Amino acid sequence: MKLIREMNQGELAAYIDSHLRDKGIDVVLSGGASVAIYSDYRYVSEGLDFIARFFINHSEIKAIMKEMEFDRKGRYYFHSQTPYYVEFISGPPSVGQDLIEDIHELEMVTGIVRIISPTDSVKDRLAAYYHWQDLQSLEQALLVADSNPINLENIEAWSRREGKSTEFEEFKRRFQK
C-alpha cells in the first residue's frame, strides 16, 4: 500500500472512500477533485469534497478519519502527510434541482473512488459559473468536457431548467471551438 504522502488526489480519494465504504458509509466525490481527476490533473484542487449519498453521521466519520490519522479542524479534515483537505457534505448529491444518480467508480492502486460522472462534473462547475459568474468554473467545466465524453443534451436541458440557456450557449460555443 502506498503511503499517504505518495498519493495523488485521486489515490487519496480512493483510499478514503474505500475505508468509509468498509464501514458502511456511502459517499461520492465531487467538486474540484472531480475536475482534477477528469482533467488528468491539468486542474489543481486542494480539497476532496465527499457528498453523502444518503444519511451522514459526522461523529462516525470523525472516528473513521481519526483511524486514518486525519484531524478535524472546523469543517475540514487534514493529514500531516498530504496537502489535500477533506470535507464531507450532507446529501443527497445534486446539481441545482437535479439529483445526481450517475455515479462512476474509478479504480486506483489505493482502492475504488465513487465519483460524479463527467457530465455531472461539468454541470457542477457550470452551476458556479451560472449563479456567481465565476469564469474559473467555466474553464473547469471546459477542461472536463474536453477530456471526457459528456452528454451535451443533458447539460443543455438542465441549463434550461436552471433558467440559464444564454449562459449555456457561451459554454457550448467555447466547447465546440
Foldseek 3Di string as FASTA:
>chain_A
DDDPLPDDLVLVQFLLQVLCVVVPFDWAWADPSVLCVLLVNPDDDQETEIEGLADDDVVVSCVSVVVVVWHDDPQWTDHPSGSHIYGYHYDNDDQVPGGQDDWDWDQDPNHIHIYGDLQVNLSNLVSCCQPVVPVVSLVSSLSNVVRDPYDLVVSCVVCVVVVNNVVSVVSVVVNVD
